[in-house]
């Protein structure tokens, strides 16, 4: 469902979800060194974003209605936000904030990416928010 690339390290990250074995994986861009990062307590990992500064991967789970993060090697898993997430579809990050599109509220939300504090609607209502990307000259 989601794919993100770290061109500096030559890694690609992706989600796979459904009823059988939902997971988040990573591999080198040539397909070698494939590794499952998350495969427990995950159902619909709809969106991914990379935090280059903190070397963390963030995702939204549309079924479990939460936002989580792990280090790029799959360790240090944390639930950042389990409230105020209804049906998240896409996620992005910039500085200390995470932003996500929510299909149920038809809006874009944001919160502190480390604590989940100050969560709320950033922009909305929208027709049907889909993909979300944070752009900056340093990214």
Protein backbone atom coordinates (compact mmCIF):
# COMPACT_ATOMS: atom_id res chain seq x y z
CA UNK A 1 0.00 0.00 0.00
CA UNK A 2 2.79 2.47 0.84
CA UNK A 3 6.39 2.81 -0.35
CA UNK A 4 9.13 5.21 0.79
CA UNK A 5 12.77 5.38 -0.27
CA UNK A 6 15.91 6.47 1.53
CA UNK A 7 18.19 7.33 -1.41
CA UNK A 8 21.16 8.15 0.85
CA UNK A 9 21.25 4.67 2.39
CA UNK A 10 19.90 2.92 -0.70
CA UNK A 11 16.93 1.40 1.16
CA UNK A 12 13.28 1.00 0.25
CA UNK A 13 10.50 0.49 2.81
CA UNK A 14 6.99 -0.77 2.07
CA UNK A 15 3.79 -2.00 3.65
CA UNK A 16 1.83 -5.12 2.87
CA UNK A 17 -1.57 -5.62 4.43
CA UNK A 18 -4.63 -7.77 4.40
CA UNK A 19 -6.13 -10.61 6.37
CA UNK A 20 -3.14 -12.93 6.14
CA UNK A 21 0.19 -11.39 7.12
CA UNK A 22 0.28 -7.59 7.28
CA UNK A 23 3.78 -6.20 7.73
CA UNK A 24 6.30 -3.48 7.09
CA UNK A 25 9.51 -4.50 5.33
CA UNK A 26 12.68 -2.99 4.00
CA UNK A 27 15.31 -4.02 1.45
CA UNK A 28 18.22 -2.60 -0.47
CA UNK A 29 17.18 -0.94 -3.70
CA UNK A 30 18.47 -3.94 -5.64
CA UNK A 31 16.10 -6.23 -3.68
CA UNK A 32 18.74 -7.85 -1.48
CA UNK A 33 18.94 -7.65 2.32
CA UNK A 34 15.17 -7.95 2.73
CA UNK A 35 14.04 -7.64 6.34
CA UNK A 36 10.65 -7.64 8.08
CA UNK A 37 10.55 -4.70 10.50
CA UNK A 38 7.02 -5.04 11.90
CA UNK A 39 4.68 -8.04 11.65
CA UNK A 40 2.84 -8.16 14.97
CA UNK A 41 -0.12 -6.13 16.17
CA UNK A 42 -0.53 -4.48 12.77
CA UNK A 43 -3.49 -4.72 10.36
CA UNK A 44 -3.76 -1.93 7.75
CA UNK A 45 -0.44 -0.05 7.59
CA UNK A 46 -1.74 2.49 5.08
CA UNK A 47 0.98 5.13 5.04
CA UNK A 48 4.70 5.46 5.75
CA UNK A 49 7.08 8.36 6.24
CA UNK A 50 10.81 8.50 6.98
CA UNK A 51 12.31 10.80 9.58
CA UNK A 52 15.88 11.22 8.31
CA UNK A 53 17.08 13.25 11.26
CA UNK A 54 15.98 10.73 13.91
CA UNK A 55 16.29 7.63 11.68
CA UNK A 56 12.71 6.58 12.44
CA UNK A 57 9.93 5.15 10.32
CA UNK A 58 6.37 6.31 11.08
CA UNK A 59 3.16 4.67 9.91
CA UNK A 60 -0.59 4.94 10.23
CA UNK A 61 -2.74 1.87 10.77
CA UNK A 62 -6.20 2.53 9.33
CA UNK A 63 -7.82 -0.46 11.02
CA UNK A 64 -6.24 -0.16 14.48
CA UNK A 65 -6.65 3.64 14.26
CA UNK A 66 -3.24 4.63 15.52
CA UNK A 67 0.15 6.03 14.58
CA UNK A 68 3.34 4.17 15.44
CA UNK A 69 7.08 4.46 14.90
CA UNK A 70 10.20 2.26 14.91
CA UNK A 71 13.86 2.89 14.33
CA UNK A 72 15.02 2.09 10.79
CA UNK A 73 16.23 -1.34 11.93
CA UNK A 74 12.77 -2.21 13.35
CA UNK A 75 13.64 -1.79 17.04
CA UNK A 76 12.21 0.62 19.61
CA UNK A 77 8.58 0.36 18.50
CA UNK A 78 6.31 3.00 20.02
CA UNK A 79 2.63 3.91 19.77
CA UNK A 80 2.58 7.68 19.34
CA UNK A 81 -1.13 8.30 18.98
CA UNK A 82 -4.03 5.95 19.61
CA UNK A 83 -6.66 8.62 20.14
CA UNK A 84 -7.98 11.07 17.54
CA UNK A 85 -6.99 8.74 14.69
CA UNK A 86 -10.09 7.42 12.97
CA UNK A 87 -9.25 6.07 9.51
CA UNK A 88 -5.78 7.34 8.67
CA UNK A 89 -4.66 6.87 5.09
CA UNK A 90 -1.39 8.74 4.50
CA UNK A 91 1.29 10.29 6.70
CA UNK A 92 4.11 12.82 6.42
CA UNK A 93 6.45 14.52 8.84
CA UNK A 94 8.25 17.82 9.12
CA UNK A 95 10.38 18.99 12.02
CA UNK A 96 8.60 17.87 15.22
CA UNK A 97 5.20 17.30 13.62
CA UNK A 98 3.46 14.40 11.94
CA UNK A 99 0.62 15.06 9.52
CA UNK A 100 -1.93 12.49 8.39
CA UNK A 101 -4.97 12.34 6.17
CA UNK A 102 -8.08 10.91 7.77
CA UNK A 103 -10.87 9.49 5.63
CA UNK A 104 -13.49 9.44 8.36
CA UNK A 105 -13.12 13.11 9.34
CA UNK A 106 -12.18 14.09 5.76
CA UNK A 107 -9.36 16.27 6.97
CA UNK A 108 -5.62 16.51 7.57
CA UNK A 109 -4.50 16.31 11.18
CA UNK A 110 -1.23 16.98 12.92
CA UNK A 111 0.43 16.21 16.26
CA UNK A 112 3.82 16.21 17.91
CA UNK A 113 5.57 13.19 16.41
CA UNK A 114 7.33 12.19 19.61
CA UNK A 115 4.54 12.61 22.16
CA UNK A 116 1.29 12.74 20.19
CA UNK A 117 0.41 15.92 22.06
CA UNK A 118 -1.42 18.86 20.52
CA UNK A 119 -3.24 16.59 18.06
CA UNK A 120 -5.95 18.22 16.03
CA UNK A 121 -7.32 19.17 12.64
CA UNK A 122 -4.77 21.05 10.54
CA UNK A 123 -6.89 21.45 7.40
CA UNK A 124 -10.45 20.49 6.62
CA UNK A 125 -13.06 19.62 5.80
CA UNK A 126 -11.81 18.23 2.48
CA UNK A 127 -13.55 16.10 -0.14
CA UNK A 128 -11.50 12.93 0.30
CA UNK A 129 -7.87 13.48 1.38
CA UNK A 130 -5.54 10.87 -0.05
CA UNK A 131 -1.74 11.07 -0.32
CA UNK A 132 0.26 13.45 1.79
CA UNK A 133 3.86 14.58 1.29
CA UNK A 134 5.88 17.20 3.17
CA UNK A 135 8.19 19.14 0.85
CA UNK A 136 11.22 21.13 1.93
CA UNK A 137 14.47 22.10 0.27
CA UNK A 138 16.41 19.85 2.68
CA UNK A 139 14.31 16.73 1.88
